[in-house]
C-alpha atoms as a PDB file:
ATOM      1  CA  UNK A   1      -4.275 -28.756  -9.307  1.00  0.00           C
ATOM      2  CA  UNK A   2      -1.464 -26.270  -8.957  1.00  0.00           C
ATOM      3  CA  UNK A   3      -2.102 -22.697  -7.576  1.00  0.00           C
ATOM      4  CA  UNK A   4      -2.631 -20.977 -10.984  1.00  0.00           C
ATOM      5  CA  UNK A   5      -5.029 -23.481 -12.017  1.00  0.00           C
ATOM      6  CA  UNK A   6      -6.918 -23.075  -8.728  1.00  0.00           C
ATOM      7  CA  UNK A   7      -7.095 -19.245  -9.189  1.00  0.00           C
ATOM      8  CA  UNK A   8      -8.297 -19.613 -12.720  1.00  0.00           C
ATOM      9  CA  UNK A   9     -10.998 -22.150 -11.684  1.00  0.00           C
ATOM     10  CA  UNK A  10     -11.987 -19.991  -8.717  1.00  0.00           C
ATOM     11  CA  UNK A  11     -12.530 -16.958 -10.988  1.00  0.00           C
ATOM     12  CA  UNK A  12     -14.405 -18.554 -13.806  1.00  0.00           C
ATOM     13  CA  UNK A  13     -17.656 -16.869 -12.520  1.00  0.00           C
ATOM     14  CA  UNK A  14     -16.187 -13.391 -13.076  1.00  0.00           C
ATOM     15  CA  UNK A  15     -13.921 -14.265 -16.121  1.00  0.00           C
ATOM     16  CA  UNK A  16     -16.004 -12.239 -18.467  1.00  0.00           C
ATOM     17  CA  UNK A  17     -15.714  -9.137 -16.207  1.00  0.00           C
ATOM     18  CA  UNK A  18     -12.024  -9.634 -15.864  1.00  0.00           C
ATOM     19  CA  UNK A  19     -11.631 -10.029 -19.571  1.00  0.00           C
ATOM     20  CA  UNK A  20     -13.588  -6.891 -20.390  1.00  0.00           C
ATOM     21  CA  UNK A  21     -11.538  -4.944 -17.760  1.00  0.00           C
ATOM     22  CA  UNK A  22      -8.310  -6.077 -19.099  1.00  0.00           C
ATOM     23  CA  UNK A  23      -9.030  -5.511 -22.618  1.00  0.00           C
ATOM     24  CA  UNK A  24     -10.249  -1.961 -21.888  1.00  0.00           C
ATOM     25  CA  UNK A  25      -7.006  -1.285 -20.035  1.00  0.00           C
ATOM     26  CA  UNK A  26      -4.905  -2.766 -22.657  1.00  0.00           C
ATOM     27  CA  UNK A  27      -6.459  -0.510 -25.408  1.00  0.00           C
ATOM     28  CA  UNK A  28      -6.144   2.571 -23.137  1.00  0.00           C
ATOM     29  CA  UNK A  29      -2.468   1.682 -22.454  1.00  0.00           C
ATOM     30  CA  UNK A  30      -1.596   1.420 -26.219  1.00  0.00           C
ATOM     31  CA  UNK A  31      -3.343   4.699 -26.823  1.00  0.00           C
ATOM     32  CA  UNK A  32      -0.587   6.539 -25.185  1.00  0.00           C
ATOM     33  CA  UNK A  33      -2.815   8.250 -22.497  1.00  0.00           C
ATOM     34  CA  UNK A  34      -0.387   6.873 -19.796  1.00  0.00           C
ATOM     35  CA  UNK A  35       2.169   9.565 -20.820  1.00  0.00           C
ATOM     36  CA  UNK A  36      -0.211  12.522 -20.348  1.00  0.00           C
ATOM     37  CA  UNK A  37      -1.940  12.297 -17.074  1.00  0.00           C
ATOM     38  CA  UNK A  38      -1.813  15.012 -14.320  1.00  0.00           C
ATOM     39  CA  UNK A  39       0.348  14.112 -11.399  1.00  0.00           C
ATOM     40  CA  UNK A  40      -1.274  11.729  -9.358  1.00  0.00           C
ATOM     41  CA  UNK A  41      -1.120  11.839  -5.433  1.00  0.00           C
ATOM     42  CA  UNK A  42       0.549   9.275  -3.301  1.00  0.00           C
ATOM     43  CA  UNK A  43      -0.779   7.781   0.006  1.00  0.00           C
ATOM     44  CA  UNK A  44       0.428   6.179   3.045  1.00  0.00           C
ATOM     45  CA  UNK A  45      -2.385   4.409   4.742  1.00  0.00           C
ATOM     46  CA  UNK A  46      -2.291   2.990   8.240  1.00  0.00           C
ATOM     47  CA  UNK A  47      -4.216  -0.274   7.540  1.00  0.00           C
ATOM     48  CA  UNK A  48      -4.510  -1.919  11.017  1.00  0.00           C
ATOM     49  CA  UNK A  49      -7.013  -4.548  11.609  1.00  0.00           C
ATOM     50  CA  UNK A  50      -8.203  -6.402   8.519  1.00  0.00           C
ATOM     51  CA  UNK A  51     -11.776  -6.367  10.112  1.00  0.00           C
ATOM     52  CA  UNK A  52     -11.911  -2.668   8.729  1.00  0.00           C
ATOM     53  CA  UNK A  53     -12.772  -4.365   5.356  1.00  0.00           C
ATOM     54  CA  UNK A  54     -16.334  -5.529   6.852  1.00  0.00           C
ATOM     55  CA  UNK A  55     -16.773  -2.540   9.240  1.00  0.00           C
ATOM     56  CA  UNK A  56     -17.758   1.039   9.003  1.00  0.00           C
ATOM     57  CA  UNK A  57     -15.970   3.343  11.531  1.00  0.00           C
ATOM     58  CA  UNK A  58     -14.055   6.506  11.665  1.00  0.00           C
ATOM     59  CA  UNK A  59     -10.881   4.787  10.108  1.00  0.00           C
ATOM     60  CA  UNK A  60     -12.964   3.514   6.991  1.00  0.00           C
ATOM     61  CA  UNK A  61     -14.580   6.765   6.690  1.00  0.00           C
ATOM     62  CA  UNK A  62     -11.270   8.521   6.648  1.00  0.00           C
ATOM     63  CA  UNK A  63     -10.088   6.248   3.785  1.00  0.00           C
ATOM     64  CA  UNK A  64     -13.230   6.711   1.812  1.00  0.00           C
ATOM     65  CA  UNK A  65     -13.045  10.589   2.074  1.00  0.00           C
ATOM     66  CA  UNK A  66      -9.240  10.824   1.277  1.00  0.00           C
ATOM     67  CA  UNK A  67      -9.919   8.811  -2.141  1.00  0.00           C
ATOM     68  CA  UNK A  68     -12.971  10.986  -3.177  1.00  0.00           C
ATOM     69  CA  UNK A  69     -12.485  12.612  -6.533  1.00  0.00           C
ATOM     70  CA  UNK A  70      -9.338  10.608  -7.288  1.00  0.00           C
ATOM     71  CA  UNK A  71      -9.486   8.623 -10.567  1.00  0.00           C
ATOM     72  CA  UNK A  72      -6.373   6.684 -11.168  1.00  0.00           C
ATOM     73  CA  UNK A  73      -5.718   4.573 -14.173  1.00  0.00           C
ATOM     74  CA  UNK A  74      -4.109   1.994 -12.034  1.00  0.00           C
ATOM     75  CA  UNK A  75      -2.981   1.538  -8.430  1.00  0.00           C
ATOM     76  CA  UNK A  76       0.336   0.300  -7.141  1.00  0.00           C
ATOM     77  CA  UNK A  77       0.476  -0.775  -3.625  1.00  0.00           C
ATOM     78  CA  UNK A  78       3.596  -1.394  -1.411  1.00  0.00           C
ATOM     79  CA  UNK A  79       2.129  -3.487   1.352  1.00  0.00           C
ATOM     80  CA  UNK A  80       3.820  -4.505   4.745  1.00  0.00           C
ATOM     81  CA  UNK A  81       2.418  -8.108   4.115  1.00  0.00           C
ATOM     82  CA  UNK A  82       4.486  -9.056   1.074  1.00  0.00           C
ATOM     83  CA  UNK A  83       8.127  -9.569   1.840  1.00  0.00           C
ATOM     84  CA  UNK A  84      10.398 -11.313  -0.556  1.00  0.00           C
ATOM     85  CA  UNK A  85      14.103 -12.199  -1.227  1.00  0.00           C
ATOM     86  CA  UNK A  86      14.587  -9.477  -4.071  1.00  0.00           C
ATOM     87  CA  UNK A  87      12.089  -6.984  -5.180  1.00  0.00           C
ATOM     88  CA  UNK A  88       8.993  -8.512  -7.127  1.00  0.00           C
ATOM     89  CA  UNK A  89       6.226  -7.007  -8.942  1.00  0.00           C
ATOM     90  CA  UNK A  90       2.996  -8.626  -9.681  1.00  0.00           C
ATOM     91  CA  UNK A  91       2.363  -9.548 -13.397  1.00  0.00           C
ATOM     92  CA  UNK A  92      -1.017 -11.392 -12.643  1.00  0.00           C
ATOM     93  CA  UNK A  93      -3.883 -10.184 -14.868  1.00  0.00           C
ATOM     94  CA  UNK A  94      -6.436 -11.435 -12.523  1.00  0.00           C
ATOM     95  CA  UNK A  95      -5.138 -11.361  -8.935  1.00  0.00           C
ATOM     96  CA  UNK A  96      -6.601 -13.392  -6.186  1.00  0.00           C
ATOM     97  CA  UNK A  97      -7.853 -11.830  -2.935  1.00  0.00           C
ATOM     98  CA  UNK A  98      -5.343 -13.394  -0.469  1.00  0.00           C
ATOM     99  CA  UNK A  99      -6.805 -14.018   3.050  1.00  0.00           C
ATOM    100  CA  UNK A 100      -3.394 -14.068   4.865  1.00  0.00           C
ATOM    101  CA  UNK A 101      -4.455 -14.167   8.359  1.00  0.00           C
ATOM    102  CA  UNK A 102      -6.323 -16.406  10.909  1.00  0.00           C
ATOM    103  CA  UNK A 103      -8.787 -16.272  13.670  1.00  0.00           C
ATOM    104  CA  UNK A 104     -11.340 -13.930  11.945  1.00  0.00           C
ATOM    105  CA  UNK A 105     -15.002 -14.617  11.312  1.00  0.00           C
ATOM    106  CA  UNK A 106     -16.032 -16.247   8.066  1.00  0.00           C
ATOM    107  CA  UNK A 107     -17.447 -12.983   6.643  1.00  0.00           C
ATOM    108  CA  UNK A 108     -14.110 -11.646   6.415  1.00  0.00           C
ATOM    109  CA  UNK A 109     -12.691 -14.800   4.529  1.00  0.00           C
ATOM    110  CA  UNK A 110     -15.707 -14.500   2.282  1.00  0.00           C
ATOM    111  CA  UNK A 111     -14.677 -11.027   1.061  1.00  0.00           C
ATOM    112  CA  UNK A 112     -13.376 -10.834  -2.544  1.00  0.00           C
ATOM    113  CA  UNK A 113     -11.886  -7.644  -4.115  1.00  0.00           C
ATOM    114  CA  UNK A 114     -11.992  -8.671  -7.840  1.00  0.00           C
ATOM    115  CA  UNK A 115      -9.867  -5.900  -9.368  1.00  0.00           C
ATOM    116  CA  UNK A 116      -7.929  -6.714 -12.565  1.00  0.00           C
ATOM    117  CA  UNK A 117      -4.252  -6.583 -12.453  1.00  0.00           C
ATOM    118  CA  UNK A 118      -1.916  -4.477 -14.424  1.00  0.00           C
ATOM    119  CA  UNK A 119       0.990  -6.567 -16.040  1.00  0.00           C
ATOM    120  CA  UNK A 120       1.424  -3.709 -18.643  1.00  0.00           C
ATOM    121  CA  UNK A 121       2.313  -1.144 -15.842  1.00  0.00           C
ATOM    122  CA  UNK A 122       4.251  -3.868 -13.960  1.00  0.00           C
ATOM    123  CA  UNK A 123       6.346  -4.271 -16.931  1.00  0.00           C
ATOM    124  CA  UNK A 124       7.101  -0.628 -17.187  1.00  0.00           C
ATOM    125  CA  UNK A 125       8.412  -0.651 -13.547  1.00  0.00           C
ATOM    126  CA  UNK A 126      10.835  -3.282 -14.348  1.00  0.00           C
ATOM    127  CA  UNK A 127      12.107  -1.468 -17.496  1.00  0.00           C
ATOM    128  CA  UNK A 128      12.298   1.718 -15.972  1.00  0.00           C
ATOM    129  CA  UNK A 129      14.672   0.806 -13.060  1.00  0.00           C
ATOM    130  CA  UNK A 130      18.176   2.040 -13.459  1.00  0.00           C
ATOM    131  CA  UNK A 131      19.788   1.478 -10.139  1.00  0.00           C
ATOM    132  CA  UNK A 132      17.715  -1.321  -8.866  1.00  0.00           C
ATOM    133  CA  UNK A 133      16.464  -4.675 -10.115  1.00  0.00           C
ATOM    134  CA  UNK A 134      12.666  -5.604 -10.055  1.00  0.00           C
ATOM    135  CA  UNK A 135      11.675  -8.944 -11.045  1.00  0.00           C
ATOM    136  CA  UNK A 136       8.453 -10.570 -12.225  1.00  0.00           C
ATOM    137  CA  UNK A 137       6.143 -12.398  -9.966  1.00  0.00           C
ATOM    138  CA  UNK A 138       3.066 -14.442 -11.457  1.00  0.00           C
ATOM    139  CA  UNK A 139       1.876 -16.200  -8.024  1.00  0.00           C
ATOM    140  CA  UNK A 140       1.119 -13.296  -5.671  1.00  0.00           C
ATOM    141  CA  UNK A 141      -2.400 -11.819  -5.575  1.00  0.00           C
ATOM    142  CA  UNK A 142      -3.594  -8.953  -3.375  1.00  0.00           C
ATOM    143  CA  UNK A 143      -2.881  -9.426   0.252  1.00  0.00           C
ATOM    144  CA  UNK A 144      -4.860  -7.762   3.083  1.00  0.00           C
ATOM    145  CA  UNK A 145      -2.686  -4.737   3.350  1.00  0.00           C
ATOM    146  CA  UNK A 146      -4.034  -3.997  -0.173  1.00  0.00           C
ATOM    147  CA  UNK A 147      -7.583  -5.182  -0.497  1.00  0.00           C
ATOM    148  CA  UNK A 148      -8.860  -4.427   3.074  1.00  0.00           C
ATOM    149  CA  UNK A 149      -8.036  -0.652   2.218  1.00  0.00           C
ATOM    150  CA  UNK A 150      -8.905  -0.480  -1.415  1.00  0.00           C
ATOM    151  CA  UNK A 151     -12.303  -2.137  -0.810  1.00  0.00           C
ATOM    152  CA  UNK A 152     -13.304   1.194   0.944  1.00  0.00           C
ATOM    153  CA  UNK A 153     -11.322   3.706  -1.194  1.00  0.00           C
ATOM    154  CA  UNK A 154     -12.344   2.236  -4.519  1.00  0.00           C
ATOM    155  CA  UNK A 155     -15.128  -0.269  -3.721  1.00  0.00           C
ATOM    156  CA  UNK A 156     -16.003  -0.925  -7.407  1.00  0.00           C
ATOM    157  CA  UNK A 157     -12.849  -2.952  -7.861  1.00  0.00           C
ATOM    158  CA  UNK A 158     -12.698  -1.540 -11.380  1.00  0.00           C
ATOM    159  CA  UNK A 159      -9.242   0.054 -11.255  1.00  0.00           C
ATOM    160  CA  UNK A 160      -6.328  -2.243 -12.141  1.00  0.00           C
ATOM    161  CA  UNK A 161      -4.117  -3.114  -9.098  1.00  0.00           C
ATOM    162  CA  UNK A 162      -0.568  -4.464  -8.794  1.00  0.00           C
ATOM    163  CA  UNK A 163       1.802  -4.785  -5.916  1.00  0.00           C
ATOM    164  CA  UNK A 164       5.568  -4.209  -5.318  1.00  0.00           C
ATOM    165  CA  UNK A 165       7.380  -6.448  -2.708  1.00  0.00           C
ATOM    166  CA  UNK A 166       9.605  -5.464   0.174  1.00  0.00           C
ATOM    167  CA  UNK A 167      12.987  -7.018  -0.117  1.00  0.00           C
ATOM    168  CA  UNK A 168      13.647  -8.160   3.324  1.00  0.00           C
ATOM    169  CA  UNK A 169      17.441  -7.978   2.765  1.00  0.00           C
ATOM    170  CA  UNK A 170      17.443  -4.197   1.908  1.00  0.00           C
ATOM    171  CA  UNK A 171      17.990  -1.492   4.484  1.00  0.00           C
ATOM    172  CA  UNK A 172      15.503   1.362   4.998  1.00  0.00           C
ATOM    173  CA  UNK A 173      17.815   3.778   2.984  1.00  0.00           C
ATOM    174  CA  UNK A 174      17.927   1.312   0.054  1.00  0.00           C
ATOM    175  CA  UNK A 175      13.923   1.017   0.174  1.00  0.00           C
ATOM    176  CA  UNK A 176      13.896   4.878   0.156  1.00  0.00           C
ATOM    177  CA  UNK A 177      16.188   5.026  -2.984  1.00  0.00           C
ATOM    178  CA  UNK A 178      14.337   2.329  -4.832  1.00  0.00           C
ATOM    179  CA  UNK A 179      11.065   4.165  -4.296  1.00  0.00           C
ATOM    180  CA  UNK A 180      12.467   7.405  -5.906  1.00  0.00           C
ATOM    181  CA  UNK A 181      12.584   5.606  -9.071  1.00  0.00           C
ATOM    182  CA  UNK A 182       8.892   5.114  -9.139  1.00  0.00           C
ATOM    183  CA  UNK A 183       8.254   8.848  -9.279  1.00  0.00           C
ATOM    184  CA  UNK A 184       7.522   8.471 -13.201  1.00  0.00           C
ATOM    185  CA  UNK A 185       4.397   6.471 -12.439  1.00  0.00           C
ATOM    186  CA  UNK A 186       2.700   9.613 -10.764  1.00  0.00           C
ATOM    187  CA  UNK A 187       2.605  10.990 -14.325  1.00  0.00           C
ATOM    188  CA  UNK A 188       1.156   7.918 -15.964  1.00  0.00           C
ATOM    189  CA  UNK A 189      -2.041   7.960 -13.979  1.00  0.00           C
ATOM    190  CA  UNK A 190      -0.934   5.531 -11.392  1.00  0.00           C
ATOM    191  CA  UNK A 191      -1.758   5.999  -7.725  1.00  0.00           C
ATOM    192  CA  UNK A 192       0.928   4.741  -5.469  1.00  0.00           C
ATOM    193  CA  UNK A 193      -0.142   3.620  -2.097  1.00  0.00           C
ATOM    194  CA  UNK A 194       2.169   2.359   0.783  1.00  0.00           C
ATOM    195  CA  UNK A 195       0.112   0.325   3.349  1.00  0.00           C
ATOM    196  CA  UNK A 196       1.431  -0.327   6.752  1.00  0.00           C
ATOM    197  CA  UNK A 197       1.587   1.358  10.216  1.00  0.00           C
ATOM    198  CA  UNK A 198       4.118   3.869  11.653  1.00  0.00           C
ATOM    199  CA  UNK A 199       3.667   2.362  14.968  1.00  0.00           C
ATOM    200  CA  UNK A 200       2.989  -1.484  14.970  1.00  0.00           C
ATOM    201  CA  UNK A 201       3.847  -3.522  18.060  1.00  0.00           C
ATOM    202  CA  UNK A 202       1.332  -6.228  18.458  1.00  0.00           C
ATOM    203  CA  UNK A 203       3.221  -7.916  21.271  1.00  0.00           C
ATOM    204  CA  UNK A 204       2.343  -4.816  23.427  1.00  0.00           C
ATOM    205  CA  UNK A 205      -1.258  -4.509  22.062  1.00  0.00           C
ATOM    206  CA  UNK A 206      -3.926  -3.637  24.631  1.00  0.00           C
ATOM    207  CA  UNK A 207      -6.780  -5.807  23.342  1.00  0.00           C
ATOM    208  CA  UNK A 208      -9.370  -4.508  26.035  1.00  0.00           C
ATOM    209  CA  UNK A 209      -8.925  -0.749  25.490  1.00  0.00           C
ATOM    210  CA  UNK A 210      -7.358   1.577  23.121  1.00  0.00           C
ATOM    211  CA  UNK A 211      -5.307   3.665  25.673  1.00  0.00           C
ATOM    212  CA  UNK A 212      -2.179   4.416  23.835  1.00  0.00           C
ATOM    213  CA  UNK A 213       1.349   3.923  25.408  1.00  0.00           C
ATOM    214  CA  UNK A 214       3.238   7.117  26.105  1.00  0.00           C
ATOM    215  CA  UNK A 215       6.251   5.777  23.755  1.00  0.00           C
ATOM    216  CA  UNK A 216       3.732   5.123  20.884  1.00  0.00           C
ATOM    217  CA  UNK A 217       2.022   8.549  21.266  1.00  0.00           C
ATOM    218  CA  UNK A 218       5.585  10.091  21.341  1.00  0.00           C
ATOM    219  CA  UNK A 219       6.911   8.346  18.474  1.00  0.00           C
ATOM    220  CA  UNK A 220       3.742   9.021  16.350  1.00  0.00           C
ATOM    221  CA  UNK A 221       3.975  12.713  17.021  1.00  0.00           C
ATOM    222  CA  UNK A 222       7.746  12.733  16.407  1.00  0.00           C
ATOM    223  CA  UNK A 223       7.141  11.051  13.022  1.00  0.00           C
ATOM    224  CA  UNK A 224       4.461  13.535  12.054  1.00  0.00           C
ATOM    225  CA  UNK A 225       6.851  16.436  12.941  1.00  0.00           C
ATOM    226  CA  UNK A 226       9.606  14.829  10.832  1.00  0.00           C
ATOM    227  CA  UNK A 227       7.315  14.485   7.973  1.00  0.00           C
ATOM    228  CA  UNK A 228       6.110  17.875   8.203  1.00  0.00           C
ATOM    229  CA  UNK A 229       9.701  19.242   8.157  1.00  0.00           C
ATOM    230  CA  UNK A 230      10.731  16.912   5.402  1.00  0.00           C
ATOM    231  CA  UNK A 231      13.384  15.357   7.585  1.00  0.00           C
ATOM    232  CA  UNK A 232      13.441  12.195   5.646  1.00  0.00           C
ATOM    233  CA  UNK A 233      17.110  11.140   6.669  1.00  0.00           C
ATOM    234  CA  UNK A 234      15.988  10.848  10.334  1.00  0.00           C
ATOM    235  CA  UNK A 235      12.968   8.846   9.289  1.00  0.00           C
ATOM    236  CA  UNK A 236      15.051   6.489   7.252  1.00  0.00           C
ATOM    237  CA  UNK A 237      17.536   6.031  10.023  1.00  0.00           C
ATOM    238  CA  UNK A 238      14.706   5.664  12.672  1.00  0.00           C
ATOM    239  CA  UNK A 239      16.961   3.316  14.858  1.00  0.00           C
ATOM    240  CA  UNK A 240      18.850   6.517  15.879  1.00  0.00           C
ATOM    241  CA  UNK A 241      15.553   8.086  17.300  1.00  0.00           C
ATOM    242  CA  UNK A 242      15.766   6.176  20.621  1.00  0.00           C
ATOM    243  CA  UNK A 243      13.792   3.661  22.561  1.00  0.00           C
ATOM    244  CA  UNK A 244      10.275   5.171  21.516  1.00  0.00           C
ATOM    245  CA  UNK A 245      11.199   4.368  17.884  1.00  0.00           C
ATOM    246  CA  UNK A 246      12.627   0.849  18.736  1.00  0.00           C
ATOM    247  CA  UNK A 247       9.271  -0.029  20.685  1.00  0.00           C
ATOM    248  CA  UNK A 248       7.158   1.345  17.899  1.00  0.00           C
ATOM    249  CA  UNK A 249       9.038  -0.552  15.273  1.00  0.00           C
ATOM    250  CA  UNK A 250      10.092  -4.019  16.439  1.00  0.00           C
ATOM    251  CA  UNK A 251      10.234  -5.170  12.918  1.00  0.00           C
ATOM    252  CA  UNK A 252      10.237  -2.881   9.868  1.00  0.00           C
ATOM    253  CA  UNK A 253       7.800  -4.243   7.450  1.00  0.00           C
ATOM    254  CA  UNK A 254       4.869  -2.025   8.611  1.00  0.00           C
ATOM    255  CA  UNK A 255       7.036   1.128   8.551  1.00  0.00           C
ATOM    256  CA  UNK A 256       8.915   0.769   5.218  1.00  0.00           C
ATOM    257  CA  UNK A 257       5.870   1.430   3.089  1.00  0.00           C
ATOM    258  CA  UNK A 258       5.784   4.915   4.662  1.00  0.00           C
ATOM    259  CA  UNK A 259       9.238   5.641   3.269  1.00  0.00           C
ATOM    260  CA  UNK A 260       8.115   4.664  -0.261  1.00  0.00           C
ATOM    261  CA  UNK A 261       5.523   7.418   0.107  1.00  0.00           C
ATOM    262  CA  UNK A 262       7.989   9.991   1.504  1.00  0.00           C
ATOM    263  CA  UNK A 263      10.487   9.245  -1.144  1.00  0.00           C
ATOM    264  CA  UNK A 264       7.941  10.398  -3.921  1.00  0.00           C
ATOM    265  CA  UNK A 265       7.373  13.816  -2.358  1.00  0.00           C
ATOM    266  CA  UNK A 266       8.465  16.878  -4.450  1.00  0.00           C
ATOM    267  CA  UNK A 267       8.711  20.542  -3.605  1.00  0.00           C
ATOM    268  CA  UNK A 268       5.531  21.252  -5.316  1.00  0.00           C
ATOM    269  CA  UNK A 269       3.469  18.618  -3.258  1.00  0.00           C
ATOM    270  CA  UNK A 270       1.359  19.638  -0.203  1.00  0.00           C
ATOM    271  CA  UNK A 271       0.850  17.267   2.748  1.00  0.00           C
ATOM    272  CA  UNK A 272      -2.448  16.351   4.556  1.00  0.00           C
ATOM    273  CA  UNK A 273      -2.900  13.878   7.515  1.00  0.00           C
ATOM    274  CA  UNK A 274      -5.944  11.976   8.285  1.00  0.00           C
ATOM    275  CA  UNK A 275      -6.854   9.110  10.680  1.00  0.00           C
ATOM    276  CA  UNK A 276      -4.543  10.509  13.404  1.00  0.00           C
ATOM    277  CA  UNK A 277      -5.272   7.838  16.063  1.00  0.00           C
ATOM    278  CA  UNK A 278      -3.710   5.017  18.072  1.00  0.00           C
ATOM    279  CA  UNK A 279      -5.623   1.796  18.447  1.00  0.00           C
ATOM    280  CA  UNK A 280      -4.928  -1.063  20.776  1.00  0.00           C
ATOM    281  CA  UNK A 281      -2.309   1.050  22.531  1.00  0.00           C
ATOM    282  CA  UNK A 282       0.478   0.277  19.919  1.00  0.00           C
ATOM    283  CA  UNK A 283      -0.756   0.611  16.495  1.00  0.00           C
ATOM    284  CA  UNK A 284      -0.781   4.033  14.800  1.00  0.00           C
ATOM    285  CA  UNK A 285      -3.474   4.447  12.234  1.00  0.00           C
ATOM    286  CA  UNK A 286      -1.983   7.798  11.068  1.00  0.00           C
ATOM    287  CA  UNK A 287      -2.258   8.140   7.332  1.00  0.00           C
ATOM    288  CA  UNK A 288      -1.371  10.956   4.754  1.00  0.00           C
ATOM    289  CA  UNK A 289      -1.687  11.996   1.283  1.00  0.00           C
ATOM    290  CA  UNK A 290       0.904  13.983  -0.643  1.00  0.00           C
ATOM    291  CA  UNK A 291      -0.362  15.809  -3.718  1.00  0.00           C
ATOM    292  CA  UNK A 292       0.185  19.004  -5.819  1.00  0.00           C
ATOM    293  CA  UNK A 293      -3.400  19.648  -6.647  1.00  0.00           C
END
């Protein structure tokens, strides 16, 4: 049995529900309502420990409160946990819940987030690109950078979700420029979510307490200041910000989703931070929402 057959077999119990959701979405898409939606906000979410998916704490409360009152037609997530050669977008109509981790309790592996996919909107992303190439992916589902957050923000799993990958060959500047081409989605009812962590250095993690390293605190605050002043160029070229930045970003995959969010900020947008904390000494949970409402 190949992967697609396995996914199909595993989802037979909810096939009727998936079919209903997809049919409703296709009918709504054909009606043209995508073209007339108010401008949607954009999120960057510090996702941290996947255990948040089955826990209730200040972090999950922050996610839930931030999403309150937002009614997207679809959600596009740029997650730290999907890196590819080339930029890919998921075309899967029934994406699987990927448990892309190890060493956690069975209760976490049992979690499912059965949101439908959005191949129609994924196709629009591909077709809209002028300066970048985005290719179809029919294998990937929803990784934990996506579902562990959305299960708190949109617990009914009734909004279509699709993902855009991070091309590991691209520079931060190239990622930022690609993200700018996604601006059109905000006016089609699509909520765009970058999911990662501004500071993410698990090698330095303090597993017994949450006392933050000085370099983690200083870079987290510096990033906040640069976001507030809209100094995106320094954030794109973070390697020039000194040793605090290099310790906070030993690898870029958790940092890059933030650039996707920042690239979509317009002069009309306001900015609001939430979940401003550092856990395990070296993981910033700082999150923010950009909106013009």
